[in-house]
Amino acid sequence: MKNSKLAIISSPWTVTIHPLAEPELKALAHDLQARFLHIAELLESFGPHQVGLPHVRPLQQKLWEMRMTGRDGIARAVYAAIQDRRLLVLHVFVKKTPTTPRKAIETAHQRLEAAL
């Protein structure tokens, strides 16, 4: 009973994918795609404020990253919260360095500016 009342009070979040990020996501290995879906479901169910490490972490300014790890490597999906409780995935890439590449952050910023 309490859960149904909570669902009425707080509207759900929605994860959407930028059109340029969709082929990037589809290019990932299947286990990394499955991990992405799992994290997206967590964000939609609980909201971005309730999901933290190891699933997501802040990058800079309005950007956050989903952290996907699988048998086939490590990938990241950079996203931002935008209007109407929507999380927009801006850029998806395979991670090959210890830090998030500057170019990946710049790509996400450019896509976010164009989307707003």
PDB file of N, CA and C in Angstrom:
ATOM      1  N   MET A   1       0.812  -1.187   0.000  1.00  0.00           N
ATOM      2  CA  MET A   1       0.000   0.000   0.000  1.00  0.00           C
ATOM      3  C   MET A   1       0.862   1.262   0.000  1.00  0.00           C
ATOM      4  N   LYS A   2       1.896   1.298   0.850  1.00  0.00           N
ATOM      5  CA  LYS A   2       2.738   2.476   0.925  1.00  0.00           C
ATOM      6  C   LYS A   2       3.436   2.735  -0.404  1.00  0.00           C
ATOM      7  N   ASN A   3       3.866   1.682  -1.090  1.00  0.00           N
ATOM      8  CA  ASN A   3       4.553   1.857  -2.371  1.00  0.00           C
ATOM      9  C   ASN A   3       3.658   2.515  -3.406  1.00  0.00           C
ATOM     10  N   SER A   4       2.377   2.148  -3.434  1.00  0.00           N
ATOM     11  CA  SER A   4       1.483   2.756  -4.417  1.00  0.00           C
ATOM     12  C   SER A   4       1.279   4.243  -4.124  1.00  0.00           C
ATOM     13  N   LYS A   5       1.236   4.633  -2.858  1.00  0.00           N
ATOM     14  CA  LYS A   5       1.114   6.041  -2.512  1.00  0.00           C
ATOM     15  C   LYS A   5       2.375   6.794  -2.925  1.00  0.00           C
ATOM     16  N   LEU A   6       3.527   6.192  -2.730  1.00  0.00           N
ATOM     17  CA  LEU A   6       4.781   6.821  -3.107  1.00  0.00           C
ATOM     18  C   LEU A   6       4.834   7.031  -4.614  1.00  0.00           C
ATOM     19  N   ALA A   7       4.361   6.076  -5.384  1.00  0.00           N
ATOM     20  CA  ALA A   7       4.369   6.190  -6.844  1.00  0.00           C
ATOM     21  C   ALA A   7       3.470   7.338  -7.308  1.00  0.00           C
ATOM     22  N   ILE A   8       2.408   7.587  -6.583  1.00  0.00           N
ATOM     23  CA  ILE A   8       1.492   8.673  -6.949  1.00  0.00           C
ATOM     24  C   ILE A   8       2.135  10.022  -6.638  1.00  0.00           C
ATOM     25  N   ILE A   9       2.862  10.109  -5.536  1.00  0.00           N
ATOM     26  CA  ILE A   9       3.463  11.362  -5.114  1.00  0.00           C
ATOM     27  C   ILE A   9       4.608  11.772  -6.044  1.00  0.00           C
ATOM     28  N   SER A  10       5.491  10.850  -6.364  1.00  0.00           N
ATOM     29  CA  SER A  10       6.638  11.205  -7.190  1.00  0.00           C
ATOM     30  C   SER A  10       6.485  10.632  -8.594  1.00  0.00           C
ATOM     31  N   SER A  11       6.569  11.509  -9.567  1.00  0.00           N
ATOM     32  CA  SER A  11       6.444  11.041 -10.939  1.00  0.00           C
ATOM     33  C   SER A  11       7.754  10.383 -11.371  1.00  0.00           C
ATOM     34  N   PRO A  12       7.677   9.415 -12.249  1.00  0.00           N
ATOM     35  CA  PRO A  12       8.876   8.671 -12.632  1.00  0.00           C
ATOM     36  C   PRO A  12       9.802   9.496 -13.530  1.00  0.00           C
ATOM     37  N   TRP A  13      11.043   9.094 -13.555  1.00  0.00           N
ATOM     38  CA  TRP A  13      12.036   9.673 -14.444  1.00  0.00           C
ATOM     39  C   TRP A  13      12.044   8.865 -15.735  1.00  0.00           C
ATOM     40  N   THR A  14      12.490   9.482 -16.810  1.00  0.00           N
ATOM     41  CA  THR A  14      12.584   8.817 -18.099  1.00  0.00           C
ATOM     42  C   THR A  14      13.991   9.001 -18.636  1.00  0.00           C
ATOM     43  N   VAL A  15      14.581   7.905 -19.108  1.00  0.00           N
ATOM     44  CA  VAL A  15      15.885   7.964 -19.763  1.00  0.00           C
ATOM     45  C   VAL A  15      15.641   7.941 -21.263  1.00  0.00           C
ATOM     46  N   THR A  16      16.125   8.965 -21.960  1.00  0.00           N
ATOM     47  CA  THR A  16      16.032   9.015 -23.418  1.00  0.00           C
ATOM     48  C   THR A  16      17.442   9.087 -23.989  1.00  0.00           C
ATOM     49  N   ILE A  17      17.560   8.703 -25.242  1.00  0.00           N
ATOM     50  CA  ILE A  17      18.874   8.644 -25.875  1.00  0.00           C
ATOM     51  C   ILE A  17      18.929   9.640 -27.027  1.00  0.00           C
ATOM     52  N   HIS A  18      19.940  10.466 -27.026  1.00  0.00           N
ATOM     53  CA  HIS A  18      20.158  11.421 -28.112  1.00  0.00           C
ATOM     54  C   HIS A  18      20.338  10.624 -29.410  1.00  0.00           C
ATOM     55  N   PRO A  19      19.794  11.108 -30.526  1.00  0.00           N
ATOM     56  CA  PRO A  19      19.892  10.361 -31.788  1.00  0.00           C
ATOM     57  C   PRO A  19      21.323   9.996 -32.192  1.00  0.00           C
ATOM     58  N   LEU A  20      22.291  10.845 -31.866  1.00  0.00           N
ATOM     59  CA  LEU A  20      23.682  10.535 -32.210  1.00  0.00           C
ATOM     60  C   LEU A  20      24.315   9.534 -31.249  1.00  0.00           C
ATOM     61  N   ALA A  21      23.731   9.380 -30.074  1.00  0.00           N
ATOM     62  CA  ALA A  21      24.263   8.418 -29.101  1.00  0.00           C
ATOM     63  C   ALA A  21      23.709   7.015 -29.320  1.00  0.00           C
ATOM     64  N   GLU A  22      22.583   6.905 -30.023  1.00  0.00           N
ATOM     65  CA  GLU A  22      21.969   5.593 -30.229  1.00  0.00           C
ATOM     66  C   GLU A  22      22.881   4.621 -30.978  1.00  0.00           C
ATOM     67  N   PRO A  23      23.498   5.013 -32.110  1.00  0.00           N
ATOM     68  CA  PRO A  23      24.404   4.072 -32.776  1.00  0.00           C
ATOM     69  C   PRO A  23      25.634   3.750 -31.933  1.00  0.00           C
ATOM     70  N   GLU A  24      26.062   4.697 -31.102  1.00  0.00           N
ATOM     71  CA  GLU A  24      27.193   4.434 -30.203  1.00  0.00           C
ATOM     72  C   GLU A  24      26.832   3.344 -29.200  1.00  0.00           C
ATOM     73  N   LEU A  25      25.612   3.403 -28.677  1.00  0.00           N
ATOM     74  CA  LEU A  25      25.145   2.387 -27.738  1.00  0.00           C
ATOM     75  C   LEU A  25      25.029   1.028 -28.421  1.00  0.00           C
ATOM     76  N   LYS A  26      24.472   1.016 -29.620  1.00  0.00           N
ATOM     77  CA  LYS A  26      24.297  -0.243 -30.351  1.00  0.00           C
ATOM     78  C   LYS A  26      25.625  -0.878 -30.748  1.00  0.00           C
ATOM     79  N   ALA A  27      26.693  -0.078 -30.818  1.00  0.00           N
ATOM     80  CA  ALA A  27      28.012  -0.597 -31.177  1.00  0.00           C
ATOM     81  C   ALA A  27      28.712  -1.288 -30.008  1.00  0.00           C
ATOM     82  N   LEU A  28      28.192  -1.099 -28.794  1.00  0.00           N
ATOM     83  CA  LEU A  28      28.795  -1.746 -27.622  1.00  0.00           C
ATOM     84  C   LEU A  28      28.541  -3.248 -27.637  1.00  0.00           C
ATOM     85  N   ALA A  29      29.405  -3.977 -26.935  1.00  0.00           N
ATOM     86  CA  ALA A  29      29.206  -5.411 -26.755  1.00  0.00           C
ATOM     87  C   ALA A  29      27.881  -5.643 -26.021  1.00  0.00           C
ATOM     88  N   HIS A  30      27.286  -6.809 -26.237  1.00  0.00           N
ATOM     89  CA  HIS A  30      25.965  -7.098 -25.673  1.00  0.00           C
ATOM     90  C   HIS A  30      25.934  -7.031 -24.143  1.00  0.00           C
ATOM     91  N   ASP A  31      27.001  -7.476 -23.479  1.00  0.00           N
ATOM     92  CA  ASP A  31      26.986  -7.421 -22.017  1.00  0.00           C
ATOM     93  C   ASP A  31      27.021  -5.972 -21.523  1.00  0.00           C
ATOM     94  N   LEU A  32      27.700  -5.096 -22.248  1.00  0.00           N
ATOM     95  CA  LEU A  32      27.715  -3.679 -21.860  1.00  0.00           C
ATOM     96  C   LEU A  32      26.373  -3.014 -22.142  1.00  0.00           C
ATOM     97  N   GLN A  33      25.713  -3.416 -23.234  1.00  0.00           N
ATOM     98  CA  GLN A  33      24.360  -2.904 -23.513  1.00  0.00           C
ATOM     99  C   GLN A  33      23.396  -3.337 -22.413  1.00  0.00           C
ATOM    100  N   ALA A  34      23.516  -4.575 -21.968  1.00  0.00           N
ATOM    101  CA  ALA A  34      22.645  -5.078 -20.897  1.00  0.00           C
ATOM    102  C   ALA A  34      22.893  -4.298 -19.607  1.00  0.00           C
ATOM    103  N   ARG A  35      24.136  -3.989 -19.338  1.00  0.00           N
ATOM    104  CA  ARG A  35      24.476  -3.219 -18.143  1.00  0.00           C
ATOM    105  C   ARG A  35      23.884  -1.802 -18.239  1.00  0.00           C
ATOM    106  N   PHE A  36      23.944  -1.208 -19.442  1.00  0.00           N
ATOM    107  CA  PHE A  36      23.340   0.103 -19.666  1.00  0.00           C
ATOM    108  C   PHE A  36      21.845   0.055 -19.343  1.00  0.00           C
ATOM    109  N   LEU A  37      21.159  -0.950 -19.858  1.00  0.00           N
ATOM    110  CA  LEU A  37      19.720  -1.071 -19.609  1.00  0.00           C
ATOM    111  C   LEU A  37      19.417  -1.205 -18.124  1.00  0.00           C
ATOM    112  N   HIS A  38      20.238  -1.962 -17.422  1.00  0.00           N
ATOM    113  CA  HIS A  38      20.039  -2.139 -15.978  1.00  0.00           C
ATOM    114  C   HIS A  38      20.170  -0.797 -15.248  1.00  0.00           C
ATOM    115  N   ILE A  39      21.213  -0.046 -15.566  1.00  0.00           N
ATOM    116  CA  ILE A  39      21.422   1.248 -14.907  1.00  0.00           C
ATOM    117  C   ILE A  39      20.309   2.224 -15.283  1.00  0.00           C
ATOM    118  N   ALA A  40      19.893   2.223 -16.545  1.00  0.00           N
ATOM    119  CA  ALA A  40      18.790   3.100 -16.973  1.00  0.00           C
ATOM    120  C   ALA A  40      17.514   2.766 -16.203  1.00  0.00           C
ATOM    121  N   GLU A  41      17.243   1.489 -15.995  1.00  0.00           N
ATOM    122  CA  GLU A  41      16.062   1.088 -15.221  1.00  0.00           C
ATOM    123  C   GLU A  41      16.162   1.563 -13.779  1.00  0.00           C
ATOM    124  N   LEU A  42      17.354   1.484 -13.188  1.00  0.00           N
ATOM    125  CA  LEU A  42      17.545   1.985 -11.824  1.00  0.00           C
ATOM    126  C   LEU A  42      17.251   3.484 -11.763  1.00  0.00           C
ATOM    127  N   LEU A  43      17.775   4.227 -12.743  1.00  0.00           N
ATOM    128  CA  LEU A  43      17.551   5.673 -12.765  1.00  0.00           C
ATOM    129  C   LEU A  43      16.073   6.003 -12.943  1.00  0.00           C
ATOM    130  N   GLU A  44      15.378   5.266 -13.795  1.00  0.00           N
ATOM    131  CA  GLU A  44      13.952   5.518 -14.008  1.00  0.00           C
ATOM    132  C   GLU A  44      13.124   5.146 -12.777  1.00  0.00           C
ATOM    133  N   SER A  45      13.490   4.075 -12.114  1.00  0.00           N
ATOM    134  CA  SER A  45      12.726   3.609 -10.952  1.00  0.00           C
ATOM    135  C   SER A  45      12.955   4.456  -9.711  1.00  0.00           C
ATOM    136  N   PHE A  46      14.207   4.810  -9.446  1.00  0.00           N
ATOM    137  CA  PHE A  46      14.545   5.461  -8.186  1.00  0.00           C
ATOM    138  C   PHE A  46      14.903   6.936  -8.330  1.00  0.00           C
ATOM    139  N   GLY A  47      15.155   7.393  -9.550  1.00  0.00           N
ATOM    140  CA  GLY A  47      15.560   8.778  -9.770  1.00  0.00           C
ATOM    141  C   GLY A  47      17.059   8.935  -9.630  1.00  0.00           C
ATOM    142  N   PRO A  48      17.618   9.954 -10.244  1.00  0.00           N
ATOM    143  CA  PRO A  48      19.071  10.118 -10.244  1.00  0.00           C
ATOM    144  C   PRO A  48      19.677  10.440  -8.882  1.00  0.00           C
ATOM    145  N   HIS A  49      18.889  10.958  -7.959  1.00  0.00           N
ATOM    146  CA  HIS A  49      19.427  11.304  -6.650  1.00  0.00           C
ATOM    147  C   HIS A  49      19.588  10.083  -5.748  1.00  0.00           C
ATOM    148  N   GLN A  50      18.957   8.976  -6.108  1.00  0.00           N
ATOM    149  CA  GLN A  50      19.015   7.774  -5.282  1.00  0.00           C
ATOM    150  C   GLN A  50      19.970   6.717  -5.821  1.00  0.00           C
ATOM    151  N   VAL A  51      20.537   6.942  -7.001  1.00  0.00           N
ATOM    152  CA  VAL A  51      21.458   5.978  -7.607  1.00  0.00           C
ATOM    153  C   VAL A  51      22.850   6.599  -7.581  1.00  0.00           C
ATOM    154  N   GLY A  52      23.801   5.881  -7.060  1.00  0.00           N
ATOM    155  CA  GLY A  52      25.170   6.407  -6.972  1.00  0.00           C
ATOM    156  C   GLY A  52      26.181   5.379  -7.429  1.00  0.00           C
ATOM    157  N   LEU A  53      27.381   5.511  -6.896  1.00  0.00           N
ATOM    158  CA  LEU A  53      28.433   4.550  -7.227  1.00  0.00           C
ATOM    159  C   LEU A  53      28.023   3.161  -6.795  1.00  0.00           C
ATOM    160  N   PRO A  54      28.336   2.150  -7.511  1.00  0.00           N
ATOM    161  CA  PRO A  54      29.217   2.081  -8.680  1.00  0.00           C
ATOM    162  C   PRO A  54      28.496   2.317 -10.006  1.00  0.00           C
ATOM    163  N   HIS A  55      27.222   2.663  -9.988  1.00  0.00           N
ATOM    164  CA  HIS A  55      26.434   2.763 -11.225  1.00  0.00           C
ATOM    165  C   HIS A  55      26.599   4.098 -11.950  1.00  0.00           C
ATOM    166  N   VAL A  56      26.558   5.202 -11.206  1.00  0.00           N
ATOM    167  CA  VAL A  56      26.687   6.530 -11.804  1.00  0.00           C
ATOM    168  C   VAL A  56      27.574   7.395 -10.922  1.00  0.00           C
ATOM    169  N   ARG A  57      28.128   8.425 -11.560  1.00  0.00           N
ATOM    170  CA  ARG A  57      28.898   9.418 -10.790  1.00  0.00           C
ATOM    171  C   ARG A  57      28.886  10.733 -11.550  1.00  0.00           C
ATOM    172  N   PRO A  58      29.043  11.855 -10.835  1.00  0.00           N
ATOM    173  CA  PRO A  58      29.064  13.154 -11.513  1.00  0.00           C
ATOM    174  C   PRO A  58      30.373  13.353 -12.262  1.00  0.00           C
ATOM    175  N   LEU A  59      30.300  14.052 -13.386  1.00  0.00           N
ATOM    176  CA  LEU A  59      31.501  14.400 -14.149  1.00  0.00           C
ATOM    177  C   LEU A  59      31.857  15.860 -13.891  1.00  0.00           C
ATOM    178  N   GLN A  60      31.108  16.751 -14.523  1.00  0.00           N
ATOM    179  CA  GLN A  60      31.309  18.190 -14.318  1.00  0.00           C
ATOM    180  C   GLN A  60      30.061  18.930 -14.745  1.00  0.00           C
ATOM    181  N   GLN A  61      29.866  20.087 -14.155  1.00  0.00           N
ATOM    182  CA  GLN A  61      28.682  20.909 -14.408  1.00  0.00           C
ATOM    183  C   GLN A  61      27.421  20.041 -14.356  1.00  0.00           C
ATOM    184  N   LYS A  62      26.666  19.934 -15.454  1.00  0.00           N
ATOM    185  CA  LYS A  62      25.411  19.188 -15.463  1.00  0.00           C
ATOM    186  C   LYS A  62      25.585  17.751 -15.923  1.00  0.00           C
ATOM    187  N   LEU A  63      26.795  17.336 -16.226  1.00  0.00           N
ATOM    188  CA  LEU A  63      27.020  16.009 -16.804  1.00  0.00           C
ATOM    189  C   LEU A  63      27.290  14.943 -15.747  1.00  0.00           C
ATOM    190  N   TRP A  64      26.714  13.783 -15.995  1.00  0.00           N
ATOM    191  CA  TRP A  64      26.914  12.598 -15.167  1.00  0.00           C
ATOM    192  C   TRP A  64      27.293  11.452 -16.089  1.00  0.00           C
ATOM    193  N   GLU A  65      27.842  10.368 -15.516  1.00  0.00           N
ATOM    194  CA  GLU A  65      28.152   9.218 -16.348  1.00  0.00           C
ATOM    195  C   GLU A  65      27.599   7.940 -15.745  1.00  0.00           C
ATOM    196  N   MET A  66      27.060   7.094 -16.633  1.00  0.00           N
ATOM    197  CA  MET A  66      26.708   5.723 -16.280  1.00  0.00           C
ATOM    198  C   MET A  66      27.978   4.906 -16.460  1.00  0.00           C
ATOM    199  N   ARG A  67      28.254   4.036 -15.498  1.00  0.00           N
ATOM    200  CA  ARG A  67      29.494   3.264 -15.507  1.00  0.00           C
ATOM    201  C   ARG A  67      29.179   1.798 -15.795  1.00  0.00           C
ATOM    202  N   MET A  68      29.492   1.370 -17.007  1.00  0.00           N
ATOM    203  CA  MET A  68      29.219  -0.002 -17.408  1.00  0.00           C
ATOM    204  C   MET A  68      30.520  -0.794 -17.470  1.00  0.00           C
ATOM    205  N   THR A  69      30.523  -1.945 -16.784  1.00  0.00           N
ATOM    206  CA  THR A  69      31.660  -2.852 -16.819  1.00  0.00           C
ATOM    207  C   THR A  69      31.138  -4.236 -17.158  1.00  0.00           C
ATOM    208  N   GLY A  70      31.828  -4.923 -18.064  1.00  0.00           N
ATOM    209  CA  GLY A  70      31.420  -6.265 -18.457  1.00  0.00           C
ATOM    210  C   GLY A  70      32.617  -7.113 -18.843  1.00  0.00           C
ATOM    211  N   ARG A  71      32.345  -8.302 -19.299  1.00  0.00           N
ATOM    212  CA  ARG A  71      33.430  -9.198 -19.730  1.00  0.00           C
ATOM    213  C   ARG A  71      34.210  -8.600 -20.891  1.00  0.00           C
ATOM    214  N   ASP A  72      33.526  -7.815 -21.693  1.00  0.00           N
ATOM    215  CA  ASP A  72      34.138  -7.282 -22.905  1.00  0.00           C
ATOM    216  C   ASP A  72      34.747  -5.892 -22.730  1.00  0.00           C
ATOM    217  N   GLY A  73      34.856  -5.411 -21.500  1.00  0.00           N
ATOM    218  CA  GLY A  73      35.506  -4.131 -21.284  1.00  0.00           C
ATOM    219  C   GLY A  73      34.721  -3.177 -20.406  1.00  0.00           C
ATOM    220  N   ILE A  74      35.046  -1.908 -20.570  1.00  0.00           N
ATOM    221  CA  ILE A  74      34.441  -0.837 -19.775  1.00  0.00           C
ATOM    222  C   ILE A  74      33.896   0.211 -20.738  1.00  0.00           C
ATOM    223  N   ALA A  75      32.695   0.692 -20.462  1.00  0.00           N
ATOM    224  CA  ALA A  75      32.091   1.745 -21.291  1.00  0.00           C
ATOM    225  C   ALA A  75      31.439   2.770 -20.379  1.00  0.00           C
ATOM    226  N   ARG A  76      31.206   3.927 -20.934  1.00  0.00           N
ATOM    227  CA  ARG A  76      30.541   5.003 -20.214  1.00  0.00           C
ATOM    228  C   ARG A  76      29.461   5.605 -21.091  1.00  0.00           C
ATOM    229  N   ALA A  77      28.408   6.082 -20.454  1.00  0.00           N
ATOM    230  CA  ALA A  77      27.342   6.828 -21.130  1.00  0.00           C
ATOM    231  C   ALA A  77      27.192   8.142 -20.373  1.00  0.00           C
ATOM    232  N   VAL A  78      27.456   9.236 -21.041  1.00  0.00           N
ATOM    233  CA  VAL A  78      27.373  10.558 -20.422  1.00  0.00           C
ATOM    234  C   VAL A  78      25.952  11.081 -20.622  1.00  0.00           C
ATOM    235  N   TYR A  79      25.347  11.566 -19.536  1.00  0.00           N
ATOM    236  CA  TYR A  79      23.965  12.055 -19.604  1.00  0.00           C
ATOM    237  C   TYR A  79      23.794  13.312 -18.776  1.00  0.00           C
ATOM    238  N   ALA A  80      22.663  13.963 -18.996  1.00  0.00           N
ATOM    239  CA  ALA A  80      22.313  15.162 -18.229  1.00  0.00           C
ATOM    240  C   ALA A  80      20.827  15.125 -17.917  1.00  0.00           C
ATOM    241  N   ALA A  81      20.450  15.727 -16.798  1.00  0.00           N
ATOM    242  CA  ALA A  81      19.039  15.871 -16.447  1.00  0.00           C
ATOM    243  C   ALA A  81      18.518  17.120 -17.149  1.00  0.00           C
ATOM    244  N   ILE A  82      17.410  16.945 -17.863  1.00  0.00           N
ATOM    245  CA  ILE A  82      16.796  18.091 -18.537  1.00  0.00           C
ATOM    246  C   ILE A  82      15.347  18.179 -18.093  1.00  0.00           C
ATOM    247  N   GLN A  83      14.586  19.051 -18.680  1.00  0.00           N
ATOM    248  CA  GLN A  83      13.221  19.341 -18.237  1.00  0.00           C
ATOM    249  C   GLN A  83      12.329  18.114 -18.125  1.00  0.00           C
ATOM    250  N   ASP A  84      11.304  18.238 -17.325  1.00  0.00           N
ATOM    251  CA  ASP A  84      10.261  17.223 -17.160  1.00  0.00           C
ATOM    252  C   ASP A  84      10.790  15.872 -16.682  1.00  0.00           C
ATOM    253  N   ARG A  85      11.733  15.891 -15.750  1.00  0.00           N
ATOM    254  CA  ARG A  85      12.238  14.656 -15.134  1.00  0.00           C
ATOM    255  C   ARG A  85      12.748  13.681 -16.197  1.00  0.00           C
ATOM    256  N   ARG A  86      13.513  14.231 -17.137  1.00  0.00           N
ATOM    257  CA  ARG A  86      14.046  13.417 -18.224  1.00  0.00           C
ATOM    258  C   ARG A  86      15.562  13.449 -18.160  1.00  0.00           C
ATOM    259  N   LEU A  87      16.165  12.265 -18.309  1.00  0.00           N
ATOM    260  CA  LEU A  87      17.611  12.133 -18.384  1.00  0.00           C
ATOM    261  C   LEU A  87      17.960  11.848 -19.831  1.00  0.00           C
ATOM    262  N   LEU A  88      18.806  12.681 -20.419  1.00  0.00           N
ATOM    263  CA  LEU A  88      19.159  12.538 -21.820  1.00  0.00           C
ATOM    264  C   LEU A  88      20.573  11.996 -21.931  1.00  0.00           C
ATOM    265  N   VAL A  89      20.707  10.791 -22.515  1.00  0.00           N
ATOM    266  CA  VAL A  89      22.019  10.190 -22.758  1.00  0.00           C
ATOM    267  C   VAL A  89      22.593  10.878 -23.990  1.00  0.00           C
ATOM    268  N   LEU A  90      23.751  11.508 -23.813  1.00  0.00           N
ATOM    269  CA  LEU A  90      24.326  12.359 -24.850  1.00  0.00           C
ATOM    270  C   LEU A  90      25.434  11.684 -25.643  1.00  0.00           C
ATOM    271  N   HIS A  91      26.204  10.823 -25.001  1.00  0.00           N
ATOM    272  CA  HIS A  91      27.368  10.216 -25.660  1.00  0.00           C
ATOM    273  C   HIS A  91      27.687   8.890 -24.979  1.00  0.00           C
ATOM    274  N   VAL A  92      27.975   7.875 -25.782  1.00  0.00           N
ATOM    275  CA  VAL A  92      28.326   6.549 -25.273  1.00  0.00           C
ATOM    276  C   VAL A  92      29.655   6.162 -25.908  1.00  0.00           C
ATOM    277  N   PHE A  93      30.580   5.650 -25.094  1.00  0.00           N
ATOM    278  CA  PHE A  93      31.896   5.291 -25.633  1.00  0.00           C
ATOM    279  C   PHE A  93      32.534   4.183 -24.792  1.00  0.00           C
ATOM    280  N   VAL A  94      33.493   3.484 -25.412  1.00  0.00           N
ATOM    281  CA  VAL A  94      34.291   2.482 -24.711  1.00  0.00           C
ATOM    282  C   VAL A  94      35.422   3.221 -24.020  1.00  0.00           C
ATOM    283  N   LYS A  95      35.611   2.913 -22.761  1.00  0.00           N
ATOM    284  CA  LYS A  95      36.620   3.618 -21.971  1.00  0.00           C
ATOM    285  C   LYS A  95      37.946   2.868 -22.065  1.00  0.00           C
ATOM    286  N   LYS A  96      39.003   3.608 -22.415  1.00  0.00           N
ATOM    287  CA  LYS A  96      40.322   2.989 -22.578  1.00  0.00           C
ATOM    288  C   LYS A  96      41.389   3.641 -21.716  1.00  0.00           C
ATOM    289  N   THR A  97      41.034   4.729 -21.041  1.00  0.00           N
ATOM    290  CA  THR A  97      41.994   5.440 -20.193  1.00  0.00           C
ATOM    291  C   THR A  97      41.427   5.543 -18.776  1.00  0.00           C
ATOM    292  N   PRO A  98      42.279   5.795 -17.785  1.00  0.00           N
ATOM    293  CA  PRO A  98      41.790   5.897 -16.399  1.00  0.00           C
ATOM    294  C   PRO A  98      40.789   7.029 -16.174  1.00  0.00           C
ATOM    295  N   THR A  99      40.937   8.134 -16.896  1.00  0.00           N
ATOM    296  CA  THR A  99      40.012   9.250 -16.727  1.00  0.00           C
ATOM    297  C   THR A  99      39.115   9.359 -17.958  1.00  0.00           C
ATOM    298  N   THR A 100      37.997  10.035 -17.785  1.00  0.00           N
ATOM    299  CA  THR A 100      37.094  10.255 -18.916  1.00  0.00           C
ATOM    300  C   THR A 100      37.774  11.225 -19.887  1.00  0.00           C
ATOM    301  N   PRO A 101      37.884  10.837 -21.156  1.00  0.00           N
ATOM    302  CA  PRO A 101      38.565  11.702 -22.125  1.00  0.00           C
ATOM    303  C   PRO A 101      37.882  13.063 -22.273  1.00  0.00           C
ATOM    304  N   ARG A 102      38.691  14.097 -22.405  1.00  0.00           N
ATOM    305  CA  ARG A 102      38.186  15.460 -22.574  1.00  0.00           C
ATOM    306  C   ARG A 102      37.269  15.562 -23.795  1.00  0.00           C
ATOM    307  N   LYS A 103      37.629  14.858 -24.873  1.00  0.00           N
ATOM    308  CA  LYS A 103      36.832  14.886 -26.096  1.00  0.00           C
ATOM    309  C   LYS A 103      35.426  14.325 -25.856  1.00  0.00           C
ATOM    310  N   ALA A 104      35.310  13.311 -25.011  1.00  0.00           N
ATOM    311  CA  ALA A 104      33.993  12.739 -24.700  1.00  0.00           C
ATOM    312  C   ALA A 104      33.125  13.755 -23.961  1.00  0.00           C
ATOM    313  N   ILE A 105      33.724  14.499 -23.047  1.00  0.00           N
ATOM    314  CA  ILE A 105      32.986  15.525 -22.306  1.00  0.00           C
ATOM    315  C   ILE A 105      32.577  16.655 -23.246  1.00  0.00           C
ATOM    316  N   GLU A 106      33.477  17.063 -24.130  1.00  0.00           N
ATOM    317  CA  GLU A 106      33.159  18.119 -25.091  1.00  0.00           C
ATOM    318  C   GLU A 106      32.026  17.691 -26.029  1.00  0.00           C
ATOM    319  N   THR A 107      32.060  16.438 -26.485  1.00  0.00           N
ATOM    320  CA  THR A 107      30.999  15.923 -27.347  1.00  0.00           C
ATOM    321  C   THR A 107      29.662  15.975 -26.632  1.00  0.00           C
ATOM    322  N   ALA A 108      29.642  15.552 -25.377  1.00  0.00           N
ATOM    323  CA  ALA A 108      28.404  15.570 -24.595  1.00  0.00           C
ATOM    324  C   ALA A 108      27.894  17.002 -24.416  1.00  0.00           C
ATOM    325  N   HIS A 109      28.796  17.944 -24.114  1.00  0.00           N
ATOM    326  CA  HIS A 109      28.390  19.350 -23.953  1.00  0.00           C
ATOM    327  C   HIS A 109      27.795  19.905 -25.244  1.00  0.00           C
ATOM    328  N   GLN A 110      28.409  19.615 -26.379  1.00  0.00           N
ATOM    329  CA  GLN A 110      27.908  20.119 -27.660  1.00  0.00           C
ATOM    330  C   GLN A 110      26.517  19.565 -27.950  1.00  0.00           C
ATOM    331  N   ARG A 111      26.322  18.270 -27.697  1.00  0.00           N
ATOM    332  CA  ARG A 111      25.010  17.651 -27.946  1.00  0.00           C
ATOM    333  C   ARG A 111      23.956  18.196 -27.000  1.00  0.00           C
ATOM    334  N   LEU A 112      24.344  18.463 -25.746  1.00  0.00           N
ATOM    335  CA  LEU A 112      23.401  19.024 -24.793  1.00  0.00           C
ATOM    336  C   LEU A 112      22.973  20.423 -25.217  1.00  0.00           C
ATOM    337  N   GLU A 113      23.926  21.260 -25.602  1.00  0.00           N
ATOM    338  CA  GLU A 113      23.592  22.620 -26.051  1.00  0.00           C
ATOM    339  C   GLU A 113      22.660  22.587 -27.255  1.00  0.00           C
ATOM    340  N   ALA A 114      22.916  21.679 -28.185  1.00  0.00           N
ATOM    341  CA  ALA A 114      22.066  21.578 -29.390  1.00  0.00           C
ATOM    342  C   ALA A 114      20.683  21.065 -29.055  1.00  0.00           C
ATOM    343  N   ALA A 115      20.565  20.239 -28.010  1.00  0.00           N
ATOM    344  CA  ALA A 115      19.269  19.648 -27.643  1.00  0.00           C
ATOM    345  C   ALA A 115      18.374  20.624 -26.877  1.00  0.00           C
ATOM    346  N   LEU A 116      18.979  21.601 -26.238  1.00  0.00           N
ATOM    347  CA  LEU A 116      18.195  22.538 -25.419  1.00  0.00           C
ATOM    348  C   LEU A 116      17.661  23.690 -26.175  1.00  0.00           C
TER     349      LEU A 116
END
